[in-house]
Amino acid sequence: MIKLPSHERYPYSAITDRPDFSWPGGKRLAVYVGLNLEHFAFGEGLGAELAPGGPQPDILNYAWRDYGNRVGAWRMRDMFDALDMPVSVLANSVMYDLAPDLMAAFRARGDEVVGHGRTNSERQSVLAPDAEEALIAEATAVLTEAEGAAPRGWLSPWIAESPVTPDLLAKAGYTYTLNWCMDDQPIWMRTDHGSLLSIPYPQEANDIPSIVARKDGAAAFADILIDTFDEMLEQSAQQPLVMGIALHPYLVGQPYRLRHLRRALTHISAHRDEIWITQAGAIYDAFTALHPAP
């Protein structure tokens, strides 16, 4: 019988066959926002494109992405304040040099900071293990010094993993990863340095695949969030679930998209008595209290 290559990180498990539990307050659906604060190298490296890029330096797409940090993220902060909505900030470490006041503004809100590499101009998946370990260590040190505590979670730039990324994250002291989108519940993963919790981070309720890849309009993306929420709220009567919302300020911080995003998040916030609006780190704490690491 053919045996396909496997990652060997977790076994198959049907969501219908797992032990039941509830989130804090007896809630069945946990909702968190992952806000990506990213910076890109000028004239080189990776980056999403509004329009097909020309020869470097690609001014159009670089400046379009830079709008997110200069304007979009600040408008989104005001929206989160108005909705009384916490977020998990997924931060490139270079953001502390580029826009320390922006990082401070989200720190003042009490928002969690999650490691998100050094910059989205690079992928850690193409690095040798020693170089990848150094990247993780460098980004972690910057976040730790700035925030006064080490980040507990990690999202790789471009969701790029090498075969040893989970091992290196656990070795560096990380307790959860947002890289894997295979489930609607947290899942324990095996590493060479102990267990690492995979917390659901979406690739559907995510503005990059929706707006950049599928070319969904602003209203369509907002409807994706609303429909995902409404369906998962119904499904959560059967199993406790996690709904993540992945956002990038250079996309949904644009005025016409922000208006539709506000519509979607207002709809979700209106159900706050029925759901747990939280952060990824709090999901880790609640889950591990009930399901300790194997």
Protein backbone atom coordinates (compact mmCIF):
# COMPACT_ATOMS: atom_id res chain seq x y z
CA MET A 1 0.00 0.00 0.00
CA ILE A 2 1.30 3.46 -0.88
CA LYS A 3 2.39 5.61 2.05
CA LEU A 4 2.41 9.32 1.32
CA PRO A 5 4.90 11.64 2.98
CA SER A 6 3.53 13.12 6.22
CA HIS A 7 4.46 16.02 8.46
CA GLU A 8 3.90 13.80 11.54
CA ARG A 9 2.90 16.89 13.54
CA TYR A 10 -0.66 15.84 14.46
CA PRO A 11 -2.97 12.87 13.82
CA TYR A 12 -6.29 12.94 12.01
CA SER A 13 -9.26 13.79 14.25
CA ALA A 14 -12.86 14.41 13.21
CA ILE A 15 -14.29 17.49 14.92
CA THR A 16 -17.47 15.52 15.68
CA ASP A 17 -15.54 12.96 17.79
CA ARG A 18 -13.79 15.21 20.31
CA PRO A 19 -14.58 15.88 23.99
CA ASP A 20 -16.95 18.78 24.47
CA PHE A 21 -16.07 21.92 26.43
CA SER A 22 -16.99 25.60 26.57
CA TRP A 23 -15.00 28.80 26.44
CA PRO A 24 -14.99 31.21 29.44
CA GLY A 25 -18.44 32.31 30.49
CA GLY A 26 -19.97 29.21 28.92
CA LYS A 27 -19.51 30.69 25.43
CA ARG A 28 -19.27 28.35 22.46
CA LEU A 29 -17.65 30.60 19.84
CA ALA A 30 -14.38 32.46 20.40
CA VAL A 31 -13.70 35.31 17.97
CA TYR A 32 -10.39 37.13 17.62
CA VAL A 33 -8.92 39.62 15.16
CA GLY A 34 -5.37 39.15 13.89
CA LEU A 35 -4.13 42.59 12.79
CA ASN A 36 -1.01 42.35 10.63
CA LEU A 37 1.37 45.29 11.06
CA GLU A 38 4.02 44.79 8.38
CA HIS A 39 6.77 46.67 6.60
CA PHE A 40 8.46 45.92 3.31
CA ALA A 41 11.89 46.62 1.86
CA PHE A 42 12.04 49.40 -0.72
CA GLY A 43 12.95 48.26 -4.19
CA GLU A 44 13.32 44.57 -3.39
CA GLY A 45 11.73 41.59 -1.71
CA LEU A 46 8.18 40.34 -1.47
CA GLY A 47 4.91 42.23 -1.15
CA ALA A 48 1.26 42.10 -2.17
CA GLU A 49 0.40 44.12 -5.27
CA LEU A 50 -2.51 46.42 -6.03
CA ALA A 51 -1.56 46.30 -9.71
CA PRO A 52 1.05 44.26 -11.61
CA GLY A 53 4.40 45.66 -10.54
CA GLY A 54 6.95 47.05 -12.94
CA PRO A 55 10.74 47.18 -12.59
CA GLN A 56 12.07 48.00 -9.13
CA PRO A 57 11.71 50.32 -7.40
CA ASP A 58 7.99 49.59 -7.68
CA ILE A 59 6.73 52.90 -6.28
CA LEU A 60 3.02 52.23 -6.80
CA ASN A 61 2.85 49.03 -4.77
CA TYR A 62 5.39 50.07 -2.13
CA ALA A 63 3.54 53.32 -1.39
CA TRP A 64 0.17 51.54 -1.44
CA ARG A 65 1.38 49.14 1.26
CA ASP A 66 2.96 52.00 3.24
CA TYR A 67 -0.47 53.67 3.44
CA GLY A 68 -1.52 50.95 5.87
CA ASN A 69 0.96 52.01 8.55
CA ARG A 70 0.62 55.74 7.98
CA VAL A 71 -3.18 55.97 7.77
CA GLY A 72 -5.10 52.71 7.61
CA ALA A 73 -3.95 51.21 10.91
CA TRP A 74 -4.79 54.42 12.78
CA ARG A 75 -8.33 54.45 11.35
CA MET A 76 -8.68 50.81 12.30
CA ARG A 77 -7.49 51.54 15.84
CA ASP A 78 -10.28 54.12 16.18
CA MET A 79 -12.78 51.56 14.90
CA PHE A 80 -11.59 48.91 17.36
CA ASP A 81 -11.86 51.46 20.17
CA ALA A 82 -15.41 52.37 19.16
CA LEU A 83 -16.40 48.70 19.06
CA ASP A 84 -14.56 47.87 22.32
CA MET A 85 -12.78 45.09 20.43
CA PRO A 86 -9.36 43.74 21.48
CA VAL A 87 -6.96 42.52 18.80
CA SER A 88 -3.89 40.35 18.46
CA VAL A 89 -1.24 42.44 16.72
CA LEU A 90 0.88 40.30 14.38
CA ALA A 91 3.99 42.44 14.18
CA ASN A 92 7.09 42.41 12.00
CA SER A 93 9.94 43.35 14.31
CA VAL A 94 11.05 46.15 11.93
CA MET A 95 7.81 47.96 12.82
CA TYR A 96 9.46 49.15 16.04
CA ASP A 97 12.00 51.08 13.98
CA LEU A 98 9.57 52.25 11.29
CA ALA A 99 6.57 53.29 13.39
CA PRO A 100 7.20 53.02 17.13
CA ASP A 101 4.26 55.33 17.83
CA LEU A 102 1.91 52.94 16.02
CA MET A 103 3.14 50.01 18.09
CA ALA A 104 2.78 52.13 21.22
CA ALA A 105 -0.79 53.02 20.29
CA PHE A 106 -1.81 49.36 20.24
CA ARG A 107 0.21 48.64 23.36
CA ALA A 108 -1.79 51.38 25.11
CA ARG A 109 -4.98 49.50 24.21
CA GLY A 110 -3.66 46.42 26.02
CA ASP A 111 -3.45 44.43 22.80
CA GLU A 112 -1.38 41.27 22.58
CA VAL A 113 1.65 41.27 20.27
CA VAL A 114 2.38 38.11 18.29
CA GLY A 115 5.70 37.44 16.55
CA HIS A 116 5.47 37.86 12.77
CA GLY A 117 9.08 37.60 11.67
CA ARG A 118 11.35 40.52 10.87
CA THR A 119 9.67 41.73 7.69
CA ASN A 120 7.26 40.40 5.08
CA SER A 121 9.97 41.05 2.51
CA GLU A 122 11.41 37.61 3.28
CA ARG A 123 10.31 34.01 3.77
CA GLN A 124 11.85 31.95 6.52
CA SER A 125 11.05 28.72 4.66
CA VAL A 126 14.00 29.15 2.27
CA LEU A 127 16.58 29.55 5.04
CA ALA A 128 18.95 26.95 6.43
CA PRO A 129 17.98 25.86 9.98
CA ASP A 130 20.68 27.99 11.64
CA ALA A 131 19.62 31.08 9.68
CA GLU A 132 15.95 30.48 10.43
CA GLU A 133 16.70 30.06 14.12
CA ALA A 134 18.62 33.35 14.04
CA LEU A 135 15.67 35.10 12.35
CA ILE A 136 13.27 33.87 15.04
CA ALA A 137 15.70 34.89 17.79
CA GLU A 138 16.23 38.38 16.34
CA ALA A 139 12.50 39.10 15.93
CA THR A 140 11.75 37.70 19.38
CA ALA A 141 14.43 39.84 21.06
CA VAL A 142 13.06 43.04 19.51
CA LEU A 143 9.48 42.31 20.58
CA THR A 144 10.56 41.24 24.06
CA GLU A 145 12.55 44.41 24.67
CA ALA A 146 9.77 46.66 23.37
CA GLU A 147 6.84 44.96 25.08
CA GLY A 148 8.52 43.91 28.32
CA ALA A 149 7.58 40.25 27.81
CA ALA A 150 8.37 37.62 25.22
CA PRO A 151 5.69 36.95 22.60
CA ARG A 152 3.99 33.61 23.07
CA GLY A 153 2.59 33.16 19.56
CA TRP A 154 4.08 33.23 16.06
CA LEU A 155 2.78 33.74 12.53
CA SER A 156 5.38 33.28 9.82
CA PRO A 157 5.53 35.95 7.11
CA TRP A 158 3.60 34.52 4.14
CA ILE A 159 2.74 31.48 6.34
CA ALA A 160 6.10 30.15 5.15
CA GLU A 161 7.48 27.21 7.13
CA SER A 162 10.52 25.03 6.66
CA PRO A 163 10.31 21.38 7.77
CA VAL A 164 11.75 22.39 11.16
CA THR A 165 9.87 25.64 11.88
CA PRO A 166 7.61 24.20 14.62
CA ASP A 167 10.67 22.68 16.31
CA LEU A 168 12.52 26.00 16.22
CA LEU A 169 9.50 27.90 17.56
CA ALA A 170 9.09 25.53 20.51
CA LYS A 171 12.85 25.68 21.15
CA ALA A 172 12.65 29.50 21.22
CA GLY A 173 9.93 29.38 23.88
CA TYR A 174 6.84 29.90 21.72
CA THR A 175 3.73 28.14 22.96
CA TYR A 176 1.39 28.55 20.01
CA THR A 177 1.47 29.01 16.24
CA LEU A 178 -1.03 30.56 13.84
CA ASN A 179 0.52 29.03 10.72
CA TRP A 180 -1.78 26.04 10.22
CA CYS A 181 -5.39 26.53 9.05
CA MET A 182 -6.53 22.90 9.22
CA ASP A 183 -9.17 23.16 11.96
CA ASP A 184 -11.75 25.25 13.80
CA GLN A 185 -10.41 24.23 17.21
CA PRO A 186 -6.93 24.49 18.72
CA ILE A 187 -4.83 21.39 18.01
CA TRP A 188 -1.72 20.18 19.80
CA MET A 189 1.25 19.65 17.49
CA ARG A 190 4.36 17.55 18.09
CA THR A 191 7.81 19.13 17.95
CA ASP A 192 11.31 18.05 18.92
CA HIS A 193 11.07 20.41 21.90
CA GLY A 194 7.63 19.57 23.29
CA SER A 195 4.09 20.41 22.29
CA LEU A 196 3.07 23.51 20.32
CA LEU A 197 -0.57 24.59 20.12
CA SER A 198 -1.97 25.42 16.71
CA ILE A 199 -4.65 28.10 17.07
CA PRO A 200 -6.92 28.54 14.03
CA TYR A 201 -5.87 31.45 11.83
CA PRO A 202 -8.06 31.85 8.76
CA GLN A 203 -7.18 31.77 5.10
CA GLU A 204 -10.79 32.34 4.01
CA ALA A 205 -11.87 35.07 6.46
CA ASN A 206 -8.61 36.78 5.49
CA ASP A 207 -8.33 39.91 3.35
CA ILE A 208 -5.17 38.85 1.49
CA PRO A 209 -6.59 35.71 -0.19
CA SER A 210 -9.98 37.39 -0.59
CA ILE A 211 -9.04 40.82 -1.92
CA VAL A 212 -5.59 40.28 -3.44
CA ALA A 213 -5.94 36.73 -4.78
CA ARG A 214 -9.66 36.34 -5.55
CA LYS A 215 -10.26 40.06 -6.25
CA ASP A 216 -13.31 40.16 -3.96
CA GLY A 217 -14.86 43.59 -3.54
CA ALA A 218 -15.16 45.41 -0.22
CA ALA A 219 -18.80 44.42 0.27
CA ALA A 220 -18.08 40.82 -0.67
CA PHE A 221 -15.28 40.54 1.91
CA ALA A 222 -17.52 41.99 4.62
CA ASP A 223 -20.22 39.49 3.65
CA ILE A 224 -17.65 36.67 3.92
CA LEU A 225 -16.97 37.71 7.51
CA ILE A 226 -20.66 38.00 8.38
CA ASP A 227 -21.62 34.71 6.75
CA THR A 228 -18.67 32.90 8.33
CA PHE A 229 -19.64 34.27 11.74
CA ASP A 230 -23.34 33.47 11.43
CA GLU A 231 -22.64 29.91 10.26
CA MET A 232 -20.00 29.25 12.93
CA LEU A 233 -22.25 30.65 15.64
CA GLU A 234 -24.86 28.06 14.66
CA GLN A 235 -22.26 25.28 14.38
CA SER A 236 -20.85 26.10 17.80
CA ALA A 237 -23.94 24.63 19.42
CA GLN A 238 -22.39 21.27 18.51
CA GLN A 239 -18.71 21.98 19.21
CA PRO A 240 -16.84 24.96 20.69
CA LEU A 241 -15.12 26.80 17.84
CA VAL A 242 -12.59 29.53 17.09
CA MET A 243 -13.20 32.15 14.41
CA GLY A 244 -10.17 34.20 13.48
CA ILE A 245 -10.34 37.31 11.31
CA ALA A 246 -7.12 38.23 9.47
CA LEU A 247 -6.71 41.88 8.49
CA HIS A 248 -4.04 44.05 6.83
CA PRO A 249 -4.33 47.86 7.16
CA TYR A 250 -3.09 48.60 3.64
CA LEU A 251 -6.10 46.61 2.38
CA VAL A 252 -9.04 47.06 4.73
CA GLY A 253 -7.75 50.39 6.06
CA GLN A 254 -8.62 51.92 2.70
CA PRO A 255 -11.69 54.16 3.27
CA TYR A 256 -14.23 52.26 1.19
CA ARG A 257 -13.13 48.89 2.53
CA LEU A 258 -13.02 50.18 6.10
CA ARG A 259 -16.67 51.20 5.88
CA HIS A 260 -17.67 47.65 4.92
CA LEU A 261 -15.32 46.10 7.50
CA ARG A 262 -16.97 48.25 10.18
CA ARG A 263 -20.33 46.88 9.05
CA ALA A 264 -19.10 43.30 9.50
CA LEU A 265 -17.44 43.86 12.87
CA THR A 266 -20.45 45.79 14.15
CA HIS A 267 -22.62 42.78 13.26
CA ILE A 268 -20.28 40.49 15.18
CA SER A 269 -20.03 42.85 18.15
CA ALA A 270 -23.81 42.97 18.41
CA HIS A 271 -23.64 39.30 19.49
CA ARG A 272 -21.04 39.85 22.21
CA ASP A 273 -23.38 38.45 24.89
CA GLU A 274 -23.40 35.14 22.99
CA ILE A 275 -19.72 34.90 22.01
CA TRP A 276 -16.26 35.37 23.49
CA ILE A 277 -14.49 38.28 21.78
CA THR A 278 -10.88 37.77 22.75
CA GLN A 279 -7.24 37.45 21.68
CA ALA A 280 -5.21 34.49 20.47
CA GLY A 281 -3.16 34.33 23.67
CA ALA A 282 -6.30 34.16 25.80
CA ILE A 283 -7.55 31.29 23.63
CA TYR A 284 -4.28 29.50 24.38
CA ASP A 285 -4.75 30.04 28.13
CA ALA A 286 -8.37 28.87 28.16
CA PHE A 287 -7.73 25.81 26.01
CA THR A 288 -4.63 24.62 27.86
CA ALA A 289 -6.42 24.98 31.21
CA LEU A 290 -8.87 22.34 29.97
CA HIS A 291 -6.60 20.35 27.64
CA PRO A 292 -2.99 20.50 28.91
CA ALA A 293 -0.15 19.79 26.53
CA PRO A 294 0.38 16.07 26.01
